[in-house]
Amino acid sequence: MQELKEKHVKLIDNKPRKLFGNRYAFIHHPNKLSGVLTKLIEGEFDSTFGPRSQR
């Protein structure tokens, strides 16, 4: 996120949120990317099945 801030990317979240032991942050508002909400995810996460700790 620091690299994005240095490049003057407008972030929705200034610090990561936490969910199931993983960190994530939304980085662009959907109206800036043709309706696509973009996020960064850090941790062991399988987007198909959800957090591995919950399987």
N, C-alpha and C. Protein backbone atom coordinates (compact mmCIF):
# COMPACT_ATOMS: atom_id res chain seq x y z
N MET A 1 0.82 -1.18 0.00
CA MET A 1 0.00 0.00 0.00
C MET A 1 0.87 1.25 0.00
N GLN A 2 2.00 1.16 0.65
CA GLN A 2 2.90 2.31 0.70
C GLN A 2 3.35 2.71 -0.70
N GLU A 3 3.66 1.72 -1.52
CA GLU A 3 4.10 2.01 -2.90
C GLU A 3 2.98 2.72 -3.68
N LEU A 4 1.75 2.28 -3.49
CA LEU A 4 0.63 2.92 -4.17
C LEU A 4 0.45 4.36 -3.69
N LYS A 5 0.59 4.57 -2.37
CA LYS A 5 0.48 5.93 -1.83
C LYS A 5 1.56 6.84 -2.43
N GLU A 6 2.78 6.32 -2.56
CA GLU A 6 3.87 7.10 -3.12
C GLU A 6 3.63 7.46 -4.58
N LYS A 7 2.84 6.62 -5.27
CA LYS A 7 2.51 6.87 -6.68
C LYS A 7 1.22 7.67 -6.81
N HIS A 8 0.71 8.18 -5.67
CA HIS A 8 -0.48 9.03 -5.62
C HIS A 8 -1.75 8.33 -6.10
N VAL A 9 -1.83 7.02 -5.85
CA VAL A 9 -3.05 6.28 -6.14
C VAL A 9 -4.04 6.60 -5.03
N LYS A 10 -5.26 6.95 -5.40
CA LYS A 10 -6.28 7.27 -4.40
C LYS A 10 -6.80 5.97 -3.79
N LEU A 11 -6.54 5.78 -2.51
CA LEU A 11 -6.94 4.57 -1.80
C LEU A 11 -8.27 4.78 -1.09
N ILE A 12 -9.09 3.76 -1.06
CA ILE A 12 -10.31 3.80 -0.26
C ILE A 12 -9.92 3.55 1.20
N ASP A 13 -9.08 2.55 1.44
CA ASP A 13 -8.62 2.22 2.79
C ASP A 13 -7.18 2.70 2.96
N ASN A 14 -6.94 3.49 4.00
CA ASN A 14 -5.58 3.96 4.27
C ASN A 14 -4.77 2.94 5.06
N LYS A 15 -5.46 2.00 5.71
CA LYS A 15 -4.79 0.90 6.39
C LYS A 15 -5.62 -0.36 6.14
N PRO A 16 -4.97 -1.53 6.16
CA PRO A 16 -5.69 -2.77 5.85
C PRO A 16 -6.79 -3.11 6.86
N ARG A 17 -7.82 -3.75 6.36
CA ARG A 17 -8.87 -4.31 7.21
C ARG A 17 -8.46 -5.75 7.52
N LYS A 18 -9.09 -6.36 8.51
CA LYS A 18 -8.76 -7.74 8.86
C LYS A 18 -10.01 -8.61 8.81
N LEU A 19 -9.84 -9.83 8.27
CA LEU A 19 -10.92 -10.79 8.19
C LEU A 19 -10.33 -12.18 8.18
N PHE A 20 -10.74 -13.04 9.08
CA PHE A 20 -10.26 -14.42 9.17
C PHE A 20 -8.74 -14.50 9.22
N GLY A 21 -8.10 -13.56 9.88
CA GLY A 21 -6.65 -13.58 10.02
C GLY A 21 -5.90 -13.05 8.80
N ASN A 22 -6.60 -12.62 7.79
CA ASN A 22 -5.99 -12.06 6.57
C ASN A 22 -6.19 -10.55 6.57
N ARG A 23 -5.35 -9.86 5.84
CA ARG A 23 -5.48 -8.41 5.70
C ARG A 23 -5.88 -8.09 4.27
N TYR A 24 -6.76 -7.11 4.12
CA TYR A 24 -7.16 -6.68 2.78
C TYR A 24 -7.45 -5.19 2.79
N ALA A 25 -7.39 -4.59 1.63
CA ALA A 25 -7.67 -3.16 1.50
C ALA A 25 -8.23 -2.88 0.11
N PHE A 26 -9.23 -2.00 0.06
CA PHE A 26 -9.78 -1.56 -1.21
C PHE A 26 -8.94 -0.39 -1.70
N ILE A 27 -8.54 -0.44 -2.97
CA ILE A 27 -7.60 0.57 -3.45
C ILE A 27 -8.17 1.54 -4.47
N HIS A 28 -9.24 1.21 -5.13
CA HIS A 28 -9.82 2.12 -6.12
C HIS A 28 -11.32 2.13 -5.99
N HIS A 29 -11.92 3.28 -6.16
CA HIS A 29 -13.38 3.38 -6.18
C HIS A 29 -13.87 2.83 -7.52
N PRO A 30 -14.99 2.08 -7.51
CA PRO A 30 -15.49 1.48 -8.76
C PRO A 30 -15.70 2.47 -9.90
N ASN A 31 -16.06 3.71 -9.60
CA ASN A 31 -16.32 4.65 -10.71
C ASN A 31 -15.03 5.05 -11.43
N LYS A 32 -13.86 4.72 -10.88
CA LYS A 32 -12.59 5.03 -11.53
C LYS A 32 -12.14 3.92 -12.48
N LEU A 33 -12.72 2.71 -12.33
CA LEU A 33 -12.28 1.56 -13.13
C LEU A 33 -13.46 0.86 -13.80
N SER A 34 -14.32 1.61 -14.41
CA SER A 34 -15.47 1.07 -15.15
C SER A 34 -16.35 0.16 -14.29
N GLY A 35 -16.54 0.53 -13.03
CA GLY A 35 -17.42 -0.22 -12.15
C GLY A 35 -16.76 -1.38 -11.41
N VAL A 36 -15.43 -1.51 -11.48
CA VAL A 36 -14.73 -2.62 -10.83
C VAL A 36 -14.12 -2.13 -9.52
N LEU A 37 -14.47 -2.80 -8.42
CA LEU A 37 -13.88 -2.50 -7.12
C LEU A 37 -12.62 -3.35 -6.98
N THR A 38 -11.48 -2.71 -6.74
CA THR A 38 -10.20 -3.39 -6.69
C THR A 38 -9.71 -3.48 -5.25
N LYS A 39 -9.20 -4.66 -4.86
CA LYS A 39 -8.68 -4.81 -3.51
C LYS A 39 -7.39 -5.60 -3.53
N LEU A 40 -6.60 -5.40 -2.50
CA LEU A 40 -5.38 -6.17 -2.26
C LEU A 40 -5.69 -7.13 -1.12
N ILE A 41 -5.21 -8.38 -1.21
CA ILE A 41 -5.41 -9.37 -0.14
C ILE A 41 -4.05 -9.92 0.24
N GLU A 42 -3.79 -10.00 1.55
CA GLU A 42 -2.56 -10.59 2.05
C GLU A 42 -2.93 -11.69 3.03
N GLY A 43 -2.38 -12.87 2.82
CA GLY A 43 -2.65 -14.00 3.70
C GLY A 43 -2.92 -15.25 2.89
N GLU A 44 -3.20 -16.34 3.57
CA GLU A 44 -3.51 -17.60 2.89
C GLU A 44 -5.00 -17.61 2.59
N PHE A 45 -5.33 -17.33 1.35
CA PHE A 45 -6.72 -17.18 0.96
C PHE A 45 -6.92 -17.78 -0.41
N ASP A 46 -7.90 -18.63 -0.53
CA ASP A 46 -8.28 -19.23 -1.80
C ASP A 46 -9.60 -18.59 -2.20
N SER A 47 -9.60 -17.76 -3.21
CA SER A 47 -10.80 -17.01 -3.58
C SER A 47 -11.93 -17.90 -4.05
N THR A 48 -11.64 -19.16 -4.37
CA THR A 48 -12.68 -20.08 -4.79
C THR A 48 -13.46 -20.64 -3.61
N PHE A 49 -12.75 -20.90 -2.51
CA PHE A 49 -13.36 -21.59 -1.38
C PHE A 49 -13.38 -20.77 -0.09
N GLY A 50 -12.80 -19.59 -0.08
CA GLY A 50 -12.76 -18.78 1.13
C GLY A 50 -11.50 -19.05 1.93
N PRO A 51 -11.43 -18.49 3.12
CA PRO A 51 -10.21 -18.65 3.94
C PRO A 51 -9.94 -20.10 4.26
N ARG A 52 -8.69 -20.50 4.16
CA ARG A 52 -8.31 -21.89 4.42
C ARG A 52 -8.60 -22.31 5.84
N SER A 53 -8.52 -21.36 6.77
CA SER A 53 -8.79 -21.70 8.17
C SER A 53 -10.24 -22.06 8.43
N GLN A 54 -11.13 -21.74 7.49
CA GLN A 54 -12.55 -22.01 7.67
C GLN A 54 -13.01 -23.29 6.97
N ARG A 55 -12.10 -24.02 6.31
CA ARG A 55 -12.51 -25.25 5.60
C ARG A 55 -12.57 -26.43 6.52
